[in-house]
Amino acid sequence: MNRTEIEEKVKDFLIEDFEIDEDKIRPEARLKEDLEIDSLDFVDIIVIVDKCFGFRLKAEEMAGVDTLAQFCDYIENKVN
């Protein structure tokens, strides 16, 4: 799966499942501050990522992930 496909899937589930305005979804957007994703949302994201990308997110690996670009980097490293 290439980077564009990953970014598209992430964008789709952020819009569909979390009702985030498409204008807010930018690579530099901070997950918590800009996209307002809280700890309960991360539980849902774990399930969605498992379904979409075939692996489970690990909280300890996500510790340094602050922006949407870093989140997509993390997914890209896991799936490739």
PDB file of N, CA and C in Angstrom:
ATOM      1  N   MET A   1       0.852  -1.175   0.000  1.00  0.00           N
ATOM      2  CA  MET A   1       0.000   0.000   0.000  1.00  0.00           C
ATOM      3  C   MET A   1       0.901   1.242   0.000  1.00  0.00           C
ATOM      4  N   ASN A   2       0.623   2.171  -0.907  1.00  0.00           N
ATOM      5  CA  ASN A   2       1.468   3.357  -0.981  1.00  0.00           C
ATOM      6  C   ASN A   2       0.953   4.471  -0.072  1.00  0.00           C
ATOM      7  N   ARG A   3       1.766   5.505   0.064  1.00  0.00           N
ATOM      8  CA  ARG A   3       1.464   6.604   0.987  1.00  0.00           C
ATOM      9  C   ARG A   3       0.141   7.287   0.644  1.00  0.00           C
ATOM     10  N   THR A   4      -0.123   7.496  -0.616  1.00  0.00           N
ATOM     11  CA  THR A   4      -1.364   8.159  -1.031  1.00  0.00           C
ATOM     12  C   THR A   4      -2.583   7.352  -0.601  1.00  0.00           C
ATOM     13  N   GLU A   5      -2.520   6.032  -0.769  1.00  0.00           N
ATOM     14  CA  GLU A   5      -3.640   5.167  -0.351  1.00  0.00           C
ATOM     15  C   GLU A   5      -3.831   5.224   1.156  1.00  0.00           C
ATOM     16  N   ILE A   6      -2.746   5.225   1.900  1.00  0.00           N
ATOM     17  CA  ILE A   6      -2.820   5.311   3.361  1.00  0.00           C
ATOM     18  C   ILE A   6      -3.467   6.633   3.774  1.00  0.00           C
ATOM     19  N   GLU A   7      -2.984   7.724   3.218  1.00  0.00           N
ATOM     20  CA  GLU A   7      -3.529   9.036   3.569  1.00  0.00           C
ATOM     21  C   GLU A   7      -5.009   9.136   3.222  1.00  0.00           C
ATOM     22  N   GLU A   8      -5.401   8.552   2.103  1.00  0.00           N
ATOM     23  CA  GLU A   8      -6.807   8.589   1.689  1.00  0.00           C
ATOM     24  C   GLU A   8      -7.690   7.801   2.659  1.00  0.00           C
ATOM     25  N   LYS A   9      -7.233   6.619   3.054  1.00  0.00           N
ATOM     26  CA  LYS A   9      -8.013   5.815   4.012  1.00  0.00           C
ATOM     27  C   LYS A   9      -8.132   6.521   5.354  1.00  0.00           C
ATOM     28  N   VAL A  10      -7.037   7.110   5.822  1.00  0.00           N
ATOM     29  CA  VAL A  10      -7.062   7.832   7.099  1.00  0.00           C
ATOM     30  C   VAL A  10      -8.025   9.015   6.998  1.00  0.00           C
ATOM     31  N   LYS A  11      -7.912   9.766   5.923  1.00  0.00           N
ATOM     32  CA  LYS A  11      -8.807  10.908   5.715  1.00  0.00           C
ATOM     33  C   LYS A  11     -10.264  10.450   5.704  1.00  0.00           C
ATOM     34  N   ASP A  12     -10.541   9.367   4.999  1.00  0.00           N
ATOM     35  CA  ASP A  12     -11.916   8.859   4.908  1.00  0.00           C
ATOM     36  C   ASP A  12     -12.472   8.499   6.279  1.00  0.00           C
ATOM     37  N   PHE A  13     -11.693   7.766   7.100  1.00  0.00           N
ATOM     38  CA  PHE A  13     -12.273   7.383   8.384  1.00  0.00           C
ATOM     39  C   PHE A  13     -12.346   8.562   9.363  1.00  0.00           C
ATOM     40  N   LEU A  14     -11.469   9.542   9.226  1.00  0.00           N
ATOM     41  CA  LEU A  14     -11.579  10.725  10.085  1.00  0.00           C
ATOM     42  C   LEU A  14     -12.849  11.504   9.764  1.00  0.00           C
ATOM     43  N   ILE A  15     -13.177  11.590   8.486  1.00  0.00           N
ATOM     44  CA  ILE A  15     -14.396  12.298   8.077  1.00  0.00           C
ATOM     45  C   ILE A  15     -15.643  11.487   8.421  1.00  0.00           C
ATOM     46  N   GLU A  16     -15.649  10.213   8.055  1.00  0.00           N
ATOM     47  CA  GLU A  16     -16.836   9.378   8.231  1.00  0.00           C
ATOM     48  C   GLU A  16     -17.108   9.023   9.697  1.00  0.00           C
ATOM     49  N   ASP A  17     -16.093   8.535  10.396  1.00  0.00           N
ATOM     50  CA  ASP A  17     -16.303   8.010  11.746  1.00  0.00           C
ATOM     51  C   ASP A  17     -16.203   9.060  12.842  1.00  0.00           C
ATOM     52  N   PHE A  18     -15.437  10.129  12.598  1.00  0.00           N
ATOM     53  CA  PHE A  18     -15.223  11.126  13.639  1.00  0.00           C
ATOM     54  C   PHE A  18     -15.783  12.495  13.277  1.00  0.00           C
ATOM     55  N   GLU A  19     -16.385  12.578  12.076  1.00  0.00           N
ATOM     56  CA  GLU A  19     -17.033  13.799  11.609  1.00  0.00           C
ATOM     57  C   GLU A  19     -16.116  15.016  11.696  1.00  0.00           C
ATOM     58  N   ILE A  20     -14.848  14.812  11.330  1.00  0.00           N
ATOM     59  CA  ILE A  20     -13.885  15.902  11.308  1.00  0.00           C
ATOM     60  C   ILE A  20     -14.010  16.618   9.973  1.00  0.00           C
ATOM     61  N   ASP A  21     -14.050  17.927  10.026  1.00  0.00           N
ATOM     62  CA  ASP A  21     -14.160  18.750   8.822  1.00  0.00           C
ATOM     63  C   ASP A  21     -12.952  18.498   7.922  1.00  0.00           C
ATOM     64  N   GLU A  22     -13.211  18.240   6.664  1.00  0.00           N
ATOM     65  CA  GLU A  22     -12.147  17.920   5.707  1.00  0.00           C
ATOM     66  C   GLU A  22     -11.079  19.016   5.652  1.00  0.00           C
ATOM     67  N   ASP A  23     -11.470  20.264   5.872  1.00  0.00           N
ATOM     68  CA  ASP A  23     -10.517  21.378   5.840  1.00  0.00           C
ATOM     69  C   ASP A  23      -9.470  21.279   6.952  1.00  0.00           C
ATOM     70  N   LYS A  24      -9.795  20.605   8.039  1.00  0.00           N
ATOM     71  CA  LYS A  24      -8.863  20.458   9.163  1.00  0.00           C
ATOM     72  C   LYS A  24      -7.837  19.351   8.931  1.00  0.00           C
ATOM     73  N   ILE A  25      -8.107  18.481   7.980  1.00  0.00           N
ATOM     74  CA  ILE A  25      -7.257  17.309   7.764  1.00  0.00           C
ATOM     75  C   ILE A  25      -6.086  17.698   6.860  1.00  0.00           C
ATOM     76  N   ARG A  26      -4.994  18.068   7.538  1.00  0.00           N
ATOM     77  CA  ARG A  26      -3.752  18.467   6.866  1.00  0.00           C
ATOM     78  C   ARG A  26      -2.593  17.707   7.510  1.00  0.00           C
ATOM     79  N   PRO A  27      -1.511  17.504   6.794  1.00  0.00           N
ATOM     80  CA  PRO A  27      -0.388  16.740   7.363  1.00  0.00           C
ATOM     81  C   PRO A  27       0.116  17.300   8.685  1.00  0.00           C
ATOM     82  N   GLU A  28       0.125  18.614   8.825  1.00  0.00           N
ATOM     83  CA  GLU A  28       0.651  19.228  10.048  1.00  0.00           C
ATOM     84  C   GLU A  28      -0.371  19.312  11.181  1.00  0.00           C
ATOM     85  N   ALA A  29      -1.597  18.900  10.932  1.00  0.00           N
ATOM     86  CA  ALA A  29      -2.642  18.948  11.959  1.00  0.00           C
ATOM     87  C   ALA A  29      -2.269  18.053  13.133  1.00  0.00           C
ATOM     88  N   ARG A  30      -2.367  18.619  14.332  1.00  0.00           N
ATOM     89  CA  ARG A  30      -2.087  17.844  15.547  1.00  0.00           C
ATOM     90  C   ARG A  30      -3.333  17.046  15.912  1.00  0.00           C
ATOM     91  N   LEU A  31      -3.130  15.773  16.215  1.00  0.00           N
ATOM     92  CA  LEU A  31      -4.257  14.869  16.449  1.00  0.00           C
ATOM     93  C   LEU A  31      -5.147  15.353  17.588  1.00  0.00           C
ATOM     94  N   LYS A  32      -4.565  15.667  18.719  1.00  0.00           N
ATOM     95  CA  LYS A  32      -5.365  16.051  19.890  1.00  0.00           C
ATOM     96  C   LYS A  32      -5.850  17.485  19.806  1.00  0.00           C
ATOM     97  N   GLU A  33      -4.937  18.405  19.540  1.00  0.00           N
ATOM     98  CA  GLU A  33      -5.275  19.826  19.588  1.00  0.00           C
ATOM     99  C   GLU A  33      -6.110  20.286  18.396  1.00  0.00           C
ATOM    100  N   ASP A  34      -5.689  19.938  17.183  1.00  0.00           N
ATOM    101  CA  ASP A  34      -6.364  20.437  15.986  1.00  0.00           C
ATOM    102  C   ASP A  34      -7.550  19.582  15.564  1.00  0.00           C
ATOM    103  N   LEU A  35      -7.388  18.265  15.640  1.00  0.00           N
ATOM    104  CA  LEU A  35      -8.457  17.364  15.203  1.00  0.00           C
ATOM    105  C   LEU A  35      -9.363  16.936  16.354  1.00  0.00           C
ATOM    106  N   GLU A  36      -8.978  17.315  17.576  1.00  0.00           N
ATOM    107  CA  GLU A  36      -9.774  17.054  18.781  1.00  0.00           C
ATOM    108  C   GLU A  36     -10.059  15.569  18.997  1.00  0.00           C
ATOM    109  N   ILE A  37      -9.045  14.748  18.710  1.00  0.00           N
ATOM    110  CA  ILE A  37      -9.162  13.312  18.956  1.00  0.00           C
ATOM    111  C   ILE A  37      -8.748  13.055  20.397  1.00  0.00           C
ATOM    112  N   ASP A  38      -9.664  12.481  21.167  1.00  0.00           N
ATOM    113  CA  ASP A  38      -9.362  12.230  22.579  1.00  0.00           C
ATOM    114  C   ASP A  38      -9.079  10.747  22.814  1.00  0.00           C
ATOM    115  N   SER A  39      -8.853  10.390  24.071  1.00  0.00           N
ATOM    116  CA  SER A  39      -8.468   9.013  24.385  1.00  0.00           C
ATOM    117  C   SER A  39      -9.555   8.002  24.018  1.00  0.00           C
ATOM    118  N   LEU A  40     -10.817   8.378  24.121  1.00  0.00           N
ATOM    119  CA  LEU A  40     -11.897   7.466  23.723  1.00  0.00           C
ATOM    120  C   LEU A  40     -11.903   7.265  22.214  1.00  0.00           C
ATOM    121  N   ASP A  41     -11.596   8.325  21.477  1.00  0.00           N
ATOM    122  CA  ASP A  41     -11.507   8.208  20.019  1.00  0.00           C
ATOM    123  C   ASP A  41     -10.379   7.270  19.614  1.00  0.00           C
ATOM    124  N   PHE A  42      -9.273   7.289  20.372  1.00  0.00           N
ATOM    125  CA  PHE A  42      -8.146   6.421  20.040  1.00  0.00           C
ATOM    126  C   PHE A  42      -8.525   4.945  20.158  1.00  0.00           C
ATOM    127  N   VAL A  43      -9.431   4.627  21.061  1.00  0.00           N
ATOM    128  CA  VAL A  43      -9.916   3.239  21.163  1.00  0.00           C
ATOM    129  C   VAL A  43     -10.594   2.846  19.852  1.00  0.00           C
ATOM    130  N   ASP A  44     -11.417   3.730  19.320  1.00  0.00           N
ATOM    131  CA  ASP A  44     -12.080   3.477  18.035  1.00  0.00           C
ATOM    132  C   ASP A  44     -11.059   3.409  16.897  1.00  0.00           C
ATOM    133  N   ILE A  45     -10.051   4.270  16.951  1.00  0.00           N
ATOM    134  CA  ILE A  45      -9.025   4.281  15.906  1.00  0.00           C
ATOM    135  C   ILE A  45      -8.267   2.960  15.881  1.00  0.00           C
ATOM    136  N   ILE A  46      -8.015   2.375  17.038  1.00  0.00           N
ATOM    137  CA  ILE A  46      -7.341   1.071  17.101  1.00  0.00           C
ATOM    138  C   ILE A  46      -8.123   0.037  16.305  1.00  0.00           C
ATOM    139  N   VAL A  47      -9.427  -0.001  16.487  1.00  0.00           N
ATOM    140  CA  VAL A  47     -10.291  -0.948  15.783  1.00  0.00           C
ATOM    141  C   VAL A  47     -10.307  -0.649  14.280  1.00  0.00           C
ATOM    142  N   ILE A  48     -10.420   0.619  13.927  1.00  0.00           N
ATOM    143  CA  ILE A  48     -10.485   1.010  12.519  1.00  0.00           C
ATOM    144  C   ILE A  48      -9.176   0.686  11.800  1.00  0.00           C
ATOM    145  N   VAL A  49      -8.049   0.996  12.425  1.00  0.00           N
ATOM    146  CA  VAL A  49      -6.742   0.716  11.805  1.00  0.00           C
ATOM    147  C   VAL A  49      -6.564  -0.783  11.618  1.00  0.00           C
ATOM    148  N   ASP A  50      -6.981  -1.562  12.598  1.00  0.00           N
ATOM    149  CA  ASP A  50      -6.891  -3.027  12.475  1.00  0.00           C
ATOM    150  C   ASP A  50      -7.706  -3.506  11.277  1.00  0.00           C
ATOM    151  N   LYS A  51      -8.903  -2.965  11.124  1.00  0.00           N
ATOM    152  CA  LYS A  51      -9.780  -3.360  10.021  1.00  0.00           C
ATOM    153  C   LYS A  51      -9.237  -2.885   8.667  1.00  0.00           C
ATOM    154  N   CYS A  52      -8.761  -1.650   8.601  1.00  0.00           N
ATOM    155  CA  CYS A  52      -8.313  -1.058   7.325  1.00  0.00           C
ATOM    156  C   CYS A  52      -6.914  -1.497   6.905  1.00  0.00           C
ATOM    157  N   PHE A  53      -6.028  -1.664   7.897  1.00  0.00           N
ATOM    158  CA  PHE A  53      -4.620  -1.880   7.570  1.00  0.00           C
ATOM    159  C   PHE A  53      -4.072  -3.221   8.048  1.00  0.00           C
ATOM    160  N   GLY A  54      -4.836  -3.937   8.872  1.00  0.00           N
ATOM    161  CA  GLY A  54      -4.442  -5.290   9.260  1.00  0.00           C
ATOM    162  C   GLY A  54      -3.424  -5.406  10.379  1.00  0.00           C
ATOM    163  N   PHE A  55      -3.325  -4.390  11.237  1.00  0.00           N
ATOM    164  CA  PHE A  55      -2.459  -4.503  12.416  1.00  0.00           C
ATOM    165  C   PHE A  55      -3.051  -3.676  13.553  1.00  0.00           C
ATOM    166  N   ARG A  56      -2.641  -4.022  14.774  1.00  0.00           N
ATOM    167  CA  ARG A  56      -3.127  -3.297  15.953  1.00  0.00           C
ATOM    168  C   ARG A  56      -2.133  -2.221  16.367  1.00  0.00           C
ATOM    169  N   LEU A  57      -2.661  -1.037  16.588  1.00  0.00           N
ATOM    170  CA  LEU A  57      -1.841   0.049  17.112  1.00  0.00           C
ATOM    171  C   LEU A  57      -1.392  -0.302  18.523  1.00  0.00           C
ATOM    172  N   LYS A  58      -0.197   0.107  18.860  1.00  0.00           N
ATOM    173  CA  LYS A  58       0.314  -0.096  20.218  1.00  0.00           C
ATOM    174  C   LYS A  58       0.524   1.274  20.839  1.00  0.00           C
ATOM    175  N   ALA A  59      -0.063   1.480  22.022  1.00  0.00           N
ATOM    176  CA  ALA A  59      -0.003   2.782  22.685  1.00  0.00           C
ATOM    177  C   ALA A  59       1.429   3.254  22.885  1.00  0.00           C
ATOM    178  N   GLU A  60       2.318   2.340  23.279  1.00  0.00           N
ATOM    179  CA  GLU A  60       3.696   2.754  23.528  1.00  0.00           C
ATOM    180  C   GLU A  60       4.406   3.210  22.257  1.00  0.00           C
ATOM    181  N   GLU A  61       4.012   2.679  21.114  1.00  0.00           N
ATOM    182  CA  GLU A  61       4.608   3.099  19.841  1.00  0.00           C
ATOM    183  C   GLU A  61       4.008   4.412  19.352  1.00  0.00           C
ATOM    184  N   MET A  62       2.836   4.734  19.826  1.00  0.00           N
ATOM    185  CA  MET A  62       2.146   5.948  19.405  1.00  0.00           C
ATOM    186  C   MET A  62       2.525   7.157  20.266  1.00  0.00           C
ATOM    187  N   ALA A  63       3.346   6.949  21.281  1.00  0.00           N
ATOM    188  CA  ALA A  63       3.665   8.010  22.234  1.00  0.00           C
ATOM    189  C   ALA A  63       4.215   9.273  21.573  1.00  0.00           C
ATOM    190  N   GLY A  64       5.059   9.147  20.560  1.00  0.00           N
ATOM    191  CA  GLY A  64       5.640  10.314  19.922  1.00  0.00           C
ATOM    192  C   GLY A  64       4.890  10.807  18.704  1.00  0.00           C
ATOM    193  N   VAL A  65       3.732  10.234  18.450  1.00  0.00           N
ATOM    194  CA  VAL A  65       2.954  10.605  17.262  1.00  0.00           C
ATOM    195  C   VAL A  65       2.000  11.744  17.627  1.00  0.00           C
ATOM    196  N   ASP A  66       2.305  12.929  17.109  1.00  0.00           N
ATOM    197  CA  ASP A  66       1.492  14.104  17.435  1.00  0.00           C
ATOM    198  C   ASP A  66       0.686  14.637  16.256  1.00  0.00           C
ATOM    199  N   THR A  67       1.231  14.484  15.046  1.00  0.00           N
ATOM    200  CA  THR A  67       0.573  15.074  13.875  1.00  0.00           C
ATOM    201  C   THR A  67      -0.003  13.984  12.967  1.00  0.00           C
ATOM    202  N   LEU A  68      -0.837  14.418  12.068  1.00  0.00           N
ATOM    203  CA  LEU A  68      -1.431  13.487  11.115  1.00  0.00           C
ATOM    204  C   LEU A  68      -0.354  12.874  10.221  1.00  0.00           C
ATOM    205  N   ALA A  69       0.643  13.652   9.833  1.00  0.00           N
ATOM    206  CA  ALA A  69       1.734  13.131   9.004  1.00  0.00           C
ATOM    207  C   ALA A  69       2.499  12.037   9.752  1.00  0.00           C
ATOM    208  N   GLN A  70       2.762  12.247  11.039  1.00  0.00           N
ATOM    209  CA  GLN A  70       3.456  11.235  11.842  1.00  0.00           C
ATOM    210  C   GLN A  70       2.606   9.973  11.981  1.00  0.00           C
ATOM    211  N   PHE A  71       1.298  10.145  12.104  1.00  0.00           N
ATOM    212  CA  PHE A  71       0.393   9.014  12.189  1.00  0.00           C
ATOM    213  C   PHE A  71       0.442   8.196  10.900  1.00  0.00           C
ATOM    214  N   CYS A  72       0.430   8.884   9.757  1.00  0.00           N
ATOM    215  CA  CYS A  72       0.513   8.189   8.466  1.00  0.00           C
ATOM    216  C   CYS A  72       1.887   7.541   8.284  1.00  0.00           C
ATOM    217  N   ASP A  73       2.950   8.195   8.772  1.00  0.00           N
ATOM    218  CA  ASP A  73       4.294   7.588   8.749  1.00  0.00           C
ATOM    219  C   ASP A  73       4.284   6.270   9.520  1.00  0.00           C
ATOM    220  N   TYR A  74       3.684   6.292  10.702  1.00  0.00           N
ATOM    221  CA  TYR A  74       3.609   5.106  11.555  1.00  0.00           C
ATOM    222  C   TYR A  74       2.902   3.962  10.820  1.00  0.00           C
ATOM    223  N   ILE A  75       1.758   4.265  10.224  1.00  0.00           N
ATOM    224  CA  ILE A  75       1.001   3.251   9.488  1.00  0.00           C
ATOM    225  C   ILE A  75       1.815   2.744   8.295  1.00  0.00           C
ATOM    226  N   GLU A  76       2.433   3.653   7.572  1.00  0.00           N
ATOM    227  CA  GLU A  76       3.224   3.251   6.394  1.00  0.00           C
ATOM    228  C   GLU A  76       4.358   2.315   6.792  1.00  0.00           C
ATOM    229  N   ASN A  77       5.014   2.587   7.893  1.00  0.00           N
ATOM    230  CA  ASN A  77       6.101   1.719   8.361  1.00  0.00           C
ATOM    231  C   ASN A  77       5.596   0.344   8.767  1.00  0.00           C
ATOM    232  N   LYS A  78       4.399   0.276   9.287  1.00  0.00           N
ATOM    233  CA  LYS A  78       3.827  -1.002   9.729  1.00  0.00           C
ATOM    234  C   LYS A  78       3.346  -1.864   8.559  1.00  0.00           C
ATOM    235  N   VAL A  79       2.773  -1.232   7.548  1.00  0.00           N
ATOM    236  CA  VAL A  79       2.188  -2.020   6.459  1.00  0.00           C
ATOM    237  C   VAL A  79       3.184  -2.360   5.353  1.00  0.00           C
ATOM    238  N   ASN A  80       4.306  -1.680   5.320  1.00  0.00           N
ATOM    239  CA  ASN A  80       5.297  -1.933   4.259  1.00  0.00           C
ATOM    240  C   ASN A  80       6.556  -2.596   4.787  1.00  0.00           C
TER     241      ASN A  80
END
